[in-house]
């Protein structure tokens, strides 16, 4: 049985971006990579946060969580 560890950094990213009242001006772009806590993250066009596994190109990325449609469309040009 595989155990997945919590990614506290990813949880913090999602919590921060969900706070539209205190952080209204932060925009997101699908597939634009950013690094926090020594890990590289990106959002898919559907608002899913993924962490690039070290050394991976496309295959092997880890799902970390997601933004609701409301938040995703607010933070991107999609809405």
Protein backbone atom coordinates (compact mmCIF):
# COMPACT_ATOMS: atom_id res chain seq x y z
CA UNK A 1 0.00 0.00 0.00
CA UNK A 2 1.39 3.39 -1.05
CA UNK A 3 1.29 6.29 1.43
CA UNK A 4 1.22 9.82 0.09
CA UNK A 5 2.72 12.52 2.27
CA UNK A 6 0.96 15.85 2.67
CA UNK A 7 2.46 18.70 0.71
CA UNK A 8 2.17 21.60 3.16
CA UNK A 9 3.53 24.04 0.56
CA UNK A 10 0.84 23.06 -1.95
CA UNK A 11 -1.84 23.38 0.71
CA UNK A 12 -0.59 26.89 1.48
CA UNK A 13 -0.62 27.86 -2.22
CA UNK A 14 -4.21 26.71 -2.62
CA UNK A 15 -5.37 28.38 0.60
CA UNK A 16 -3.73 31.66 -0.43
CA UNK A 17 -5.25 31.65 -3.92
CA UNK A 18 -8.71 30.75 -2.62
CA UNK A 19 -8.68 33.96 -0.52
CA UNK A 20 -10.15 36.31 -3.11
CA UNK A 21 -10.95 38.97 -0.50
CA UNK A 22 -7.41 39.52 0.81
CA UNK A 23 -5.50 38.66 -2.40
CA UNK A 24 -7.75 39.74 -5.29
CA UNK A 25 -5.08 40.66 -7.86
CA UNK A 26 -3.06 37.47 -8.23
CA UNK A 27 -3.45 36.02 -11.73
CA UNK A 28 -2.63 32.49 -12.86
CA UNK A 29 -1.57 31.10 -16.22
CA UNK A 30 -2.00 27.41 -17.05
CA UNK A 31 1.26 25.45 -17.23
CA UNK A 32 3.36 28.41 -16.02
CA UNK A 33 5.83 26.85 -13.61
CA UNK A 34 6.80 28.42 -10.29
CA UNK A 35 9.06 27.24 -7.50
CA UNK A 36 8.33 27.35 -3.76
CA UNK A 37 9.99 25.42 -0.98
CA UNK A 38 12.40 23.83 -3.43
CA UNK A 39 9.59 22.25 -5.48
CA UNK A 40 8.29 23.21 -8.91
CA UNK A 41 4.53 23.58 -9.33
CA UNK A 42 2.11 24.45 -12.12
CA UNK A 43 -1.64 24.64 -12.69
CA UNK A 44 -3.43 22.75 -15.45
CA UNK A 45 -6.06 24.57 -17.56
CA UNK A 46 -8.74 23.08 -15.27
CA UNK A 47 -7.24 24.58 -12.10
CA UNK A 48 -5.47 21.47 -10.81
CA UNK A 49 -2.23 22.16 -8.94
CA UNK A 50 0.56 19.71 -9.80
CA UNK A 51 4.11 19.30 -8.56
CA UNK A 52 6.77 18.32 -11.05
CA UNK A 53 8.60 15.29 -9.84
CA UNK A 54 12.37 15.89 -9.89
CA UNK A 55 13.78 15.04 -13.29
CA UNK A 56 10.42 14.61 -15.00
CA UNK A 57 9.47 16.24 -18.27
CA UNK A 58 5.78 15.44 -18.68
CA UNK A 59 5.10 12.05 -17.14
CA UNK A 60 5.19 11.54 -13.39
CA UNK A 61 3.84 14.86 -12.11
CA UNK A 62 1.97 14.66 -8.81
CA UNK A 63 -1.54 16.01 -8.26
CA UNK A 64 -1.59 18.34 -5.22
CA UNK A 65 -5.10 19.78 -5.18
CA UNK A 66 -7.34 22.10 -7.14
CA UNK A 67 -9.09 25.44 -7.22
CA UNK A 68 -12.85 25.62 -7.62
CA UNK A 69 -14.18 26.73 -11.01
CA UNK A 70 -15.20 30.07 -9.48
CA UNK A 71 -11.71 30.82 -8.15
CA UNK A 72 -9.96 29.47 -11.27
CA UNK A 73 -12.02 31.62 -13.64
CA UNK A 74 -11.51 34.67 -11.40
CA UNK A 75 -7.73 34.21 -11.44
CA UNK A 76 -7.34 33.45 -15.18
CA UNK A 77 -8.44 34.93 -18.50
CA UNK A 78 -10.83 31.96 -18.88
CA UNK A 79 -13.73 33.72 -17.17
